[in-house]
Each structure stands twice: as C-alpha cells, then as structure tokens.
N, C-alpha and C. Protein backbone atom coordinates (compact mmCIF):
# COMPACT_ATOMS: atom_id res chain seq x y z
N UNK A 1 14.27 -29.90 -55.90
CA UNK A 1 15.15 -28.58 -55.96
C UNK A 1 14.08 -27.64 -54.98
N UNK A 2 14.89 -27.40 -53.90
CA UNK A 2 14.11 -26.46 -52.90
C UNK A 2 14.13 -25.05 -53.13
N UNK A 3 12.65 -24.23 -52.95
CA UNK A 3 13.17 -22.91 -53.10
C UNK A 3 12.61 -22.17 -51.86
N UNK A 4 13.21 -21.02 -51.38
CA UNK A 4 13.16 -20.93 -50.29
C UNK A 4 12.92 -19.13 -50.25
N UNK A 5 11.93 -18.62 -49.54
CA UNK A 5 11.18 -17.49 -49.31
C UNK A 5 12.48 -16.38 -49.18
N UNK A 6 12.97 -15.36 -49.91
CA UNK A 6 14.03 -14.34 -49.75
C UNK A 6 13.94 -13.62 -47.90
N UNK A 7 14.79 -13.40 -47.50
CA UNK A 7 15.29 -12.93 -45.95
C UNK A 7 15.46 -11.85 -46.19
N UNK A 8 14.58 -11.08 -45.16
CA UNK A 8 15.14 -9.60 -45.07
C UNK A 8 16.21 -9.65 -45.04
N UNK A 9 17.15 -8.15 -45.90
CA UNK A 9 18.53 -7.75 -44.99
C UNK A 9 18.48 -7.10 -44.24
N UNK A 10 17.47 -6.19 -43.98
CA UNK A 10 17.41 -5.09 -42.06
C UNK A 10 16.14 -5.88 -41.67
N UNK A 11 16.10 -5.73 -40.38
CA UNK A 11 15.08 -5.89 -39.65
C UNK A 11 15.08 -4.73 -38.71
N UNK A 12 13.53 -4.10 -39.04
CA UNK A 12 13.22 -2.73 -38.21
C UNK A 12 12.60 -3.42 -36.88
N UNK A 13 13.31 -2.76 -35.74
CA UNK A 13 13.01 -2.81 -34.39
C UNK A 13 12.45 -1.58 -34.22
N UNK A 14 11.36 -1.60 -33.21
CA UNK A 14 10.81 -0.07 -32.71
C UNK A 14 10.84 -0.48 -31.28
N UNK A 15 12.02 0.55 -30.75
CA UNK A 15 12.26 0.91 -29.35
C UNK A 15 10.88 1.49 -28.68
N UNK A 16 10.44 0.74 -27.86
CA UNK A 16 8.90 0.97 -26.67
C UNK A 16 10.03 1.33 -25.49
N UNK A 17 9.49 2.89 -25.54
CA UNK A 17 9.90 3.62 -24.25
C UNK A 17 8.99 2.70 -22.86
N UNK A 18 9.61 3.10 -22.25
CA UNK A 18 9.33 1.93 -20.79
C UNK A 18 9.66 2.99 -19.80
N UNK A 19 8.74 2.71 -18.46
CA UNK A 19 9.44 3.36 -17.31
C UNK A 19 10.61 2.66 -16.58
N UNK A 20 11.57 3.25 -16.40
CA UNK A 20 13.12 2.96 -15.70
C UNK A 20 12.72 2.16 -14.56
N UNK A 21 11.71 2.62 -14.17
CA UNK A 21 11.71 1.71 -12.55
C UNK A 21 10.70 0.77 -12.29
N UNK A 22 9.13 0.99 -13.08
CA UNK A 22 8.00 -0.25 -12.99
C UNK A 22 8.12 -0.89 -14.50
N UNK A 23 9.00 -0.51 -15.61
CA UNK A 23 8.64 -0.80 -16.54
C UNK A 23 7.52 -1.15 -17.37
N UNK A 24 6.81 -0.19 -16.56
CA UNK A 24 5.11 0.37 -17.54
C UNK A 24 5.29 0.62 -19.02
N UNK A 25 4.98 0.96 -19.75
CA UNK A 25 5.30 1.18 -21.24
C UNK A 25 4.39 2.37 -21.78
N UNK A 26 4.15 3.21 -20.70
CA UNK A 26 3.58 4.94 -20.79
C UNK A 26 4.52 5.57 -19.58
N UNK A 27 5.83 6.22 -20.15
CA UNK A 27 6.46 6.94 -19.63
C UNK A 27 5.95 8.08 -19.87
N UNK A 28 6.09 9.22 -18.98
CA UNK A 28 5.29 10.60 -19.03
C UNK A 28 6.55 10.95 -20.03
N UNK A 29 6.28 11.31 -21.15
CA UNK A 29 7.05 11.54 -22.11
C UNK A 29 7.36 13.22 -22.05
N UNK A 30 6.24 13.92 -21.49
CA UNK A 30 6.33 15.62 -21.14
C UNK A 30 6.87 15.93 -20.35
N UNK A 31 7.20 15.37 -19.47
CA UNK A 31 8.08 15.62 -18.14
C UNK A 31 9.34 15.02 -18.28
N UNK A 32 10.22 16.08 -17.83
CA UNK A 32 12.17 16.00 -17.96
C UNK A 32 12.46 14.57 -17.54
N UNK A 33 13.41 14.21 -17.96
CA UNK A 33 14.09 13.08 -17.47
C UNK A 33 14.41 12.97 -15.65
N UNK A 34 14.90 12.00 -15.35
CA UNK A 34 15.24 12.30 -14.17
C UNK A 34 17.15 11.46 -14.45
N UNK A 35 18.08 11.91 -13.89
CA UNK A 35 19.25 11.20 -13.84
C UNK A 35 19.23 9.78 -13.13
N UNK A 36 20.07 8.69 -13.97
CA UNK A 36 20.62 7.84 -13.09
C UNK A 36 21.96 7.69 -13.07
N UNK A 37 22.70 7.28 -12.05
CA UNK A 37 23.96 7.31 -11.83
C UNK A 37 24.26 6.15 -11.39
N UNK A 38 24.63 5.55 -12.63
CA UNK A 38 24.90 4.18 -12.35
C UNK A 38 26.12 3.77 -11.91
N UNK A 39 26.57 3.16 -11.11
CA UNK A 39 28.01 2.58 -10.46
C UNK A 39 28.95 2.73 -11.46
N UNK A 40 29.34 2.01 -12.40
CA UNK A 40 29.97 2.44 -13.57
C UNK A 40 29.46 3.04 -14.83
N UNK A 41 30.37 3.65 -15.04
CA UNK A 41 29.63 4.79 -16.56
C UNK A 41 29.60 6.28 -16.73
N UNK A 42 28.84 6.57 -17.33
CA UNK A 42 28.42 7.76 -16.98
C UNK A 42 26.74 8.13 -16.28
N UNK A 43 26.60 9.14 -16.25
CA UNK A 43 24.88 9.77 -15.54
C UNK A 43 24.31 9.92 -17.08
N UNK A 44 23.26 9.13 -16.72
CA UNK A 44 22.55 9.28 -18.44
C UNK A 44 20.82 9.52 -17.99
N UNK A 45 20.11 10.43 -18.39
CA UNK A 45 18.38 10.83 -17.79
C UNK A 45 17.80 9.40 -18.66
N UNK A 46 16.84 9.01 -17.73
CA UNK A 46 15.89 8.09 -18.20
C UNK A 46 14.44 8.60 -17.67
N UNK A 47 13.70 7.82 -18.16
CA UNK A 47 12.04 8.04 -18.45
C UNK A 47 11.49 7.69 -17.37
N UNK A 48 10.33 8.06 -16.45
CA UNK A 48 9.69 7.31 -15.37
C UNK A 48 8.13 7.79 -15.81
N UNK A 49 7.33 6.93 -15.38
CA UNK A 49 6.00 7.05 -15.33
C UNK A 49 5.17 8.00 -14.69
N UNK A 50 4.10 8.81 -14.89
CA UNK A 50 3.64 9.81 -13.91
C UNK A 50 3.67 8.54 -12.53
N UNK A 51 2.96 7.67 -12.58
CA UNK A 51 2.92 6.95 -10.93
C UNK A 51 4.07 7.18 -10.21
N UNK A 52 5.26 6.44 -10.92
CA UNK A 52 6.38 6.36 -10.25
C UNK A 52 7.13 7.71 -10.19
N UNK A 53 6.96 8.66 -10.71
CA UNK A 53 7.57 9.74 -10.96
C UNK A 53 6.79 10.44 -9.75
N UNK A 54 5.60 10.17 -9.42
CA UNK A 54 5.06 10.83 -8.34
C UNK A 54 5.04 10.53 -6.64
N UNK A 55 4.86 8.97 -7.09
CA UNK A 55 5.18 8.69 -5.30
C UNK A 55 6.45 7.78 -5.10
N UNK A 56 7.60 8.00 -5.62
CA UNK A 56 8.43 7.16 -5.27
C UNK A 56 9.06 7.97 -4.14
N UNK A 57 9.87 7.47 -3.25
CA UNK A 57 10.42 7.95 -2.00
C UNK A 57 11.45 9.11 -2.85
N UNK A 58 12.13 9.12 -4.00
CA UNK A 58 13.06 10.18 -3.87
C UNK A 58 12.13 10.99 -4.96
N UNK A 59 11.04 11.20 -5.01
CA UNK A 59 10.59 12.12 -6.07
C UNK A 59 10.54 13.26 -6.11
N UNK A 60 11.06 13.73 -4.90
CA UNK A 60 11.57 15.19 -5.01
C UNK A 60 13.09 15.67 -5.16
N UNK A 61 13.89 14.68 -5.99
CA UNK A 61 14.98 14.41 -6.60
C UNK A 61 14.48 14.31 -8.14
N UNK A 62 16.10 14.99 -8.32
CA UNK A 62 15.98 14.81 -10.28
C UNK A 62 16.75 13.37 -10.10
N UNK A 63 16.99 12.81 -9.94
CA UNK A 63 17.98 11.56 -9.85
C UNK A 63 16.93 10.67 -8.95
N UNK A 64 17.39 9.22 -9.91
CA UNK A 64 17.20 8.22 -9.29
C UNK A 64 18.33 7.69 -7.63
N UNK A 65 17.42 7.42 -6.94
CA UNK A 65 18.05 6.81 -5.24
C UNK A 65 17.93 5.55 -5.49
N UNK A 66 19.30 4.86 -4.83
CA UNK A 66 18.86 3.34 -4.23
C UNK A 66 17.59 3.42 -3.77
N UNK A 67 17.03 4.02 -3.07
CA UNK A 67 15.53 3.66 -2.01
C UNK A 67 14.66 3.43 -3.37
N UNK A 68 14.95 4.22 -4.43
CA UNK A 68 13.46 4.03 -5.59
C UNK A 68 13.74 2.54 -6.03
N UNK A 69 14.76 2.25 -5.98
CA UNK A 69 15.02 0.46 -6.39
C UNK A 69 14.30 -0.03 -5.65
N UNK A 70 14.59 0.18 -3.97
CA UNK A 70 13.88 -0.72 -3.17
C UNK A 70 12.28 -0.50 -3.28
N UNK A 71 12.11 0.68 -3.51
CA UNK A 71 10.34 0.94 -3.55
C UNK A 71 9.64 0.13 -4.75
N UNK A 72 10.61 0.41 -5.82
CA UNK A 72 9.80 -0.79 -7.06
C UNK A 72 9.89 -2.08 -6.82
N UNK A 73 10.88 -2.66 -5.77
CA UNK A 73 10.65 -4.00 -5.85
C UNK A 73 9.23 -4.71 -4.57
N UNK A 74 9.40 -3.40 -3.44
CA UNK A 74 8.45 -3.74 -2.72
C UNK A 74 7.14 -3.58 -3.62
N UNK A 75 6.76 -2.52 -4.27
CA UNK A 75 5.47 -2.78 -5.41
C UNK A 75 5.42 -3.78 -5.78
N UNK A 76 6.59 -4.35 -6.62
CA UNK A 76 6.46 -5.70 -7.07
C UNK A 76 5.80 -6.59 -6.74
N UNK A 77 6.45 -6.57 -5.65
CA UNK A 77 6.45 -7.99 -4.68
C UNK A 77 4.50 -7.89 -4.07
N UNK A 78 4.65 -6.81 -3.40
CA UNK A 78 3.20 -6.26 -3.41
C UNK A 78 1.96 -6.83 -3.83
N UNK A 79 2.57 -6.25 -5.07
CA UNK A 79 1.24 -6.66 -6.36
C UNK A 79 1.04 -7.39 -6.76
N UNK A 80 2.28 -8.74 -6.79
CA UNK A 80 2.37 -10.07 -7.24
C UNK A 80 1.39 -10.84 -6.02
N UNK A 81 1.65 -10.71 -4.68
CA UNK A 81 1.10 -11.60 -3.36
C UNK A 81 -0.28 -10.75 -3.55
N UNK A 82 -0.72 -9.56 -3.70
CA UNK A 82 -2.11 -9.18 -4.01
C UNK A 82 -3.10 -10.01 -4.92
N UNK A 83 -1.96 -10.25 -6.01
CA UNK A 83 -2.85 -11.21 -7.30
C UNK A 83 -2.71 -12.23 -6.80
N UNK A 84 -2.07 -12.94 -6.57
CA UNK A 84 -2.11 -14.33 -5.53
C UNK A 84 -3.14 -14.45 -4.69
N UNK A 85 -3.43 -13.73 -3.77
CA UNK A 85 -4.42 -13.80 -2.77
C UNK A 85 -5.39 -13.15 -3.33
N UNK A 86 -5.55 -12.12 -4.14
CA UNK A 86 -7.32 -12.32 -4.90
C UNK A 86 -7.33 -13.53 -5.48
N UNK A 87 -6.62 -14.43 -6.19
CA UNK A 87 -6.93 -15.25 -7.38
C UNK A 87 -6.92 -16.74 -6.30
N UNK A 88 -6.69 -16.80 -4.80
CA UNK A 88 -6.96 -17.83 -3.85
C UNK A 88 -5.50 -18.37 -3.76
N UNK A 89 -4.22 -18.06 -4.67
CA UNK A 89 -3.40 -18.66 -4.51
C UNK A 89 -2.32 -18.77 -3.30
N UNK A 90 -3.08 -17.92 -2.75
CA UNK A 90 -2.05 -17.29 -1.26
C UNK A 90 -2.92 -17.12 -0.33
N UNK A 91 -2.99 -17.89 0.79
CA UNK A 91 -3.93 -17.03 2.05
C UNK A 91 -2.73 -17.14 3.19
N UNK A 92 -2.80 -16.11 4.05
CA UNK A 92 -1.75 -16.30 4.81
C UNK A 92 -2.71 -17.37 6.23
N UNK A 93 -1.36 -17.44 6.31
CA UNK A 93 -1.61 -18.56 7.82
C UNK A 93 -2.38 -17.80 8.82
N UNK A 94 -3.03 -18.51 9.97
CA UNK A 94 -3.56 -17.30 11.10
C UNK A 94 -2.76 -16.85 11.69
N UNK A 95 -1.31 -17.41 11.81
CA UNK A 95 -0.22 -16.64 12.40
C UNK A 95 -0.03 -15.61 12.08
N UNK A 96 0.37 -15.72 10.32
CA UNK A 96 0.75 -14.43 9.41
C UNK A 96 -0.30 -13.34 9.59
N UNK A 97 -1.94 -13.80 9.62
CA UNK A 97 -2.86 -13.01 9.68
C UNK A 97 -2.69 -12.01 11.01
N UNK A 98 -2.28 -12.37 11.88
CA UNK A 98 -2.24 -12.14 13.17
C UNK A 98 -1.25 -10.96 12.99
N UNK A 99 0.26 -11.67 12.89
CA UNK A 99 1.56 -10.65 12.35
C UNK A 99 0.60 -9.36 11.21
N UNK A 100 0.26 -9.84 10.38
CA UNK A 100 -0.22 -8.58 9.58
C UNK A 100 -1.25 -7.60 9.94
N UNK A 101 -2.13 -8.07 11.02
CA UNK A 101 -2.92 -7.09 11.57
C UNK A 101 -2.43 -6.52 12.56
N UNK A 102 -1.42 -6.68 13.19
CA UNK A 102 -0.89 -6.10 14.74
C UNK A 102 0.38 -4.92 13.76
N UNK A 103 0.78 -5.44 12.41
CA UNK A 103 1.90 -4.28 11.78
C UNK A 103 0.84 -3.72 10.90
N UNK A 104 -0.27 -3.91 10.56
CA UNK A 104 -1.45 -2.91 9.93
C UNK A 104 -1.89 -2.00 11.25
N UNK A 105 -2.09 -1.91 12.29
CA UNK A 105 -2.30 -1.28 12.83
C UNK A 105 -1.25 -0.38 13.79
N UNK A 106 -0.09 -0.66 13.81
CA UNK A 106 1.19 -0.12 14.46
C UNK A 106 1.59 1.33 13.57
N UNK A 107 1.97 2.06 13.77
CA UNK A 107 2.60 3.37 13.58
C UNK A 107 3.67 2.71 13.15
N UNK A 108 4.11 3.10 11.85
CA UNK A 108 5.39 2.75 10.99
C UNK A 108 6.37 3.55 11.21
N UNK A 109 7.17 3.08 11.98
CA UNK A 109 8.69 3.78 12.06
C UNK A 109 9.67 2.66 11.66
N UNK A 110 10.96 2.68 11.22
CA UNK A 110 12.16 1.83 10.79
C UNK A 110 12.27 0.98 12.05
N UNK A 111 12.47 1.53 13.41
CA UNK A 111 12.67 0.52 14.50
C UNK A 111 11.66 -0.49 14.93
N UNK A 112 10.09 -0.07 14.70
CA UNK A 112 9.02 -0.75 14.91
C UNK A 112 8.88 -1.83 13.80
N UNK A 113 8.97 -1.59 12.42
CA UNK A 113 9.05 -2.51 11.63
C UNK A 113 9.88 -3.42 11.55
N UNK A 114 11.22 -3.00 12.15
CA UNK A 114 12.67 -3.64 12.19
C UNK A 114 12.09 -4.77 13.40
N UNK A 115 11.76 -4.44 14.33
CA UNK A 115 11.34 -5.25 15.88
C UNK A 115 10.37 -6.24 15.06
N UNK A 116 8.94 -5.93 14.72
CA UNK A 116 8.46 -6.86 14.22
C UNK A 116 8.83 -8.16 13.25
N UNK A 117 9.71 -7.33 12.36
CA UNK A 117 10.35 -8.10 11.72
C UNK A 117 11.37 -9.27 12.31
N UNK A 118 11.84 -8.82 13.28
CA UNK A 118 12.82 -9.61 14.19
C UNK A 118 12.22 -10.81 15.00
N UNK A 119 10.80 -10.32 15.61
CA UNK A 119 10.59 -10.94 16.25
C UNK A 119 9.06 -12.02 16.05
N UNK A 120 9.14 -12.19 14.58
CA UNK A 120 8.21 -13.08 14.05
C UNK A 120 8.39 -14.12 14.62
N UNK A 121 7.29 -15.09 14.68
CA UNK A 121 7.64 -16.32 14.84
C UNK A 121 8.27 -17.36 13.63
N UNK A 122 8.97 -18.25 13.73
CA UNK A 122 9.63 -18.93 12.74
C UNK A 122 8.69 -19.27 11.81
N UNK A 123 7.69 -19.64 11.62
CA UNK A 123 6.93 -20.20 10.91
C UNK A 123 6.52 -18.77 9.97
N UNK A 124 6.21 -17.76 10.19
CA UNK A 124 5.81 -16.30 10.14
C UNK A 124 7.10 -15.82 9.02
N UNK A 125 7.87 -15.95 9.75
CA UNK A 125 9.27 -15.17 9.05
C UNK A 125 9.85 -16.09 7.76
N UNK A 126 9.19 -17.16 7.67
CA UNK A 126 9.79 -17.83 6.46
C UNK A 126 8.63 -17.39 5.16
N UNK A 127 7.37 -16.96 5.74
CA UNK A 127 6.23 -17.14 4.41
C UNK A 127 6.72 -15.78 3.53
N UNK A 128 5.67 -15.76 3.04
CA UNK A 128 5.81 -14.56 1.72
C UNK A 128 5.54 -13.21 2.25
N UNK A 129 4.80 -13.25 3.31
CA UNK A 129 3.99 -11.83 3.55
C UNK A 129 5.36 -11.28 4.43
N UNK A 130 6.02 -12.24 5.15
CA UNK A 130 7.34 -11.31 5.60
C UNK A 130 8.29 -11.04 4.39
N UNK A 131 8.47 -11.45 3.81
CA UNK A 131 9.28 -11.25 2.43
C UNK A 131 8.71 -10.19 1.76
N UNK A 132 8.08 -9.73 1.65
CA UNK A 132 7.33 -8.42 1.01
C UNK A 132 7.69 -7.44 1.82
N UNK A 133 7.78 -7.60 3.17
CA UNK A 133 7.48 -6.58 4.39
C UNK A 133 9.15 -5.95 4.38
N UNK A 134 10.21 -6.86 4.15
CA UNK A 134 11.17 -7.25 4.57
C UNK A 134 12.18 -5.52 3.88
N UNK A 135 11.77 -5.03 3.23
CA UNK A 135 12.32 -3.83 2.17
C UNK A 135 11.76 -2.61 3.13
N UNK A 136 10.58 -2.76 3.68
CA UNK A 136 9.78 -1.35 4.38
C UNK A 136 10.87 -0.76 5.33
N UNK A 137 11.94 -1.38 6.16
CA UNK A 137 12.57 -0.43 7.20
C UNK A 137 13.43 0.83 6.44
N UNK A 138 13.90 0.11 5.49
CA UNK A 138 14.47 1.29 4.55
C UNK A 138 14.19 2.22 3.97
N UNK A 139 12.91 1.52 3.30
CA UNK A 139 11.82 2.89 3.08
C UNK A 139 11.44 4.12 3.95
N UNK A 140 11.53 3.37 5.37
CA UNK A 140 10.94 4.40 6.59
C UNK A 140 12.19 5.20 7.06
N UNK A 141 13.43 5.03 6.58
CA UNK A 141 14.57 5.59 7.02
C UNK A 141 14.27 7.12 5.80
N UNK A 142 13.52 6.78 4.86
CA UNK A 142 13.42 8.23 3.99
C UNK A 142 12.20 8.90 4.41
N UNK A 143 10.74 8.06 4.36
CA UNK A 143 9.26 8.76 4.36
C UNK A 143 8.78 8.05 5.67
N UNK A 144 7.78 9.08 5.88
CA UNK A 144 6.74 8.57 7.28
C UNK A 144 6.09 7.44 6.50
N UNK A 145 5.45 6.56 7.62
CA UNK A 145 4.19 5.97 7.19
C UNK A 145 3.19 6.38 6.65
N UNK A 146 2.62 7.25 6.40
CA UNK A 146 1.71 8.06 5.67
C UNK A 146 2.10 8.68 4.26
N UNK A 147 3.47 8.21 3.77
CA UNK A 147 3.54 8.43 2.77
C UNK A 147 3.02 8.18 1.56
N UNK A 148 2.95 8.45 0.31
CA UNK A 148 2.16 7.64 -0.81
C UNK A 148 2.71 6.69 -1.52
N UNK A 149 4.54 6.63 -1.28
CA UNK A 149 4.88 5.69 -1.82
C UNK A 149 4.85 4.15 -1.12
N UNK A 150 3.83 4.26 0.07
CA UNK A 150 3.62 3.00 0.65
C UNK A 150 2.29 2.86 0.72
N UNK A 151 1.62 3.25 -0.08
CA UNK A 151 0.25 3.32 0.02
C UNK A 151 -0.21 2.36 -0.51
N UNK A 152 0.84 1.30 -1.43
CA UNK A 152 0.11 -0.10 -2.13
C UNK A 152 0.07 -0.86 -1.15
N UNK A 153 1.09 -1.03 0.19
CA UNK A 153 0.89 -1.87 0.89
C UNK A 153 0.33 -1.65 2.29
N UNK A 154 -0.04 -0.89 2.18
CA UNK A 154 -0.88 0.19 3.19
C UNK A 154 -2.55 -0.47 3.06
N UNK A 155 -2.69 -0.60 1.38
CA UNK A 155 -3.80 -1.15 0.96
C UNK A 155 -4.10 -2.52 0.96
N UNK A 156 -2.87 -3.17 0.56
CA UNK A 156 -2.96 -4.56 0.80
C UNK A 156 -3.13 -5.68 2.42
N UNK A 157 -2.24 -4.79 3.19
CA UNK A 157 -2.24 -5.01 4.60
C UNK A 157 -3.76 -4.88 4.65
N UNK A 158 -4.64 -3.71 4.05
CA UNK A 158 -6.04 -3.28 5.16
C UNK A 158 -7.05 -4.48 4.19
N UNK A 159 -6.44 -4.97 3.00
CA UNK A 159 -7.34 -6.07 2.28
C UNK A 159 -7.15 -7.33 3.06
N UNK A 160 -6.10 -7.88 3.21
CA UNK A 160 -5.77 -8.89 3.80
C UNK A 160 -6.36 -9.01 5.04
N UNK A 161 -6.58 -8.06 5.86
CA UNK A 161 -7.11 -8.22 7.58
C UNK A 161 -8.03 -7.61 7.70
N UNK A 162 -8.96 -7.04 6.74
CA UNK A 162 -10.60 -6.71 6.84
C UNK A 162 -10.99 -8.30 7.14
N UNK A 163 -11.40 -8.87 6.76
CA UNK A 163 -11.83 -10.12 6.95
C UNK A 163 -11.75 -10.60 8.46
N UNK A 164 -12.81 -11.76 8.74
CA UNK A 164 -12.55 -12.42 9.99
C UNK A 164 -11.28 -12.74 10.36
N UNK A 165 -10.76 -13.03 11.66
CA UNK A 165 -9.39 -13.56 12.08
C UNK A 165 -9.35 -15.35 12.13
C-alpha cells in the first residue's frame, strides 16, 4: 500500500511587479503608470522602473512608443556585451576596435551612424559590436548624441576603446 501526501487544492501565486521595458523587479510604484497601446487590444497602464522612466527616449510622453522598445533592446545588448567583455568572453578584433574608436569619437547623427554601419568591413559587419550598434540610427531620429538614453552605449564604447589599440 502506498500512501501519498495530500496535494493542496489551491496554489497561491504572488504577482511580482516588474518594469515593463527592462523587467527589473523594482518598478516605481509611486509614479503614475504609462500607457501601453498594443497593436491589438485596448490600451492599458504599465509600470516602469525609475531608470527606464527617466532615460528612455519617450520619457517626455505618457505612453510607450516603439522607440522605447528599440532602446530597451539596445540597453540589453550593450549590457550583455559589456559583461562578456569584462569577463574576457568577448574581445573585439583589431578592425572592430578601430571601427569602435571611429564611432566613439564621431558626433552621432542618424546619417553618420548609418554611414558607419553601411561602410563597415565585411568581417566587422558580422561581429557582435555592429549588431549592438544597429538600432542606434533609429534612436538618433528621436534624440541627439548627448541624450541620457545613449549613455550606456557611450560608456561601453569608452571602456573598450580606452586601452591601447
């Protein structure tokens, strides 16, 4: 004869509030929600963490815009590549480093970054660094190169180009 332990009839789940853009588990509950207007369905309020609320490209709007998602992607990719660089799992090739140095010192406009991406050497254009920078022209259509939304990418490029070439 086998005895089994009784299973609970109900399972309690605790909803953890997360930032709608970065999925940080500390959304700013004291701030008003922003509006998400999905392609299908009704608009609904969502919460953002203090960081996303203050530096996203659409921070002046009370709703999420498509470029906020582009920015969130850029932030995630730059952070991941920066972590891999710091751990030694990713190191730029010499040509990638040279490309990054040119990009870092340039004034970022939509056209200059598009030009840099288009004219990247074939082996540079297939690397992880170019993949990370690809969303930048779309963001530069909304913000200038000194905007806080681009600070993480600026810091990352400064970090990888600071050493000897």
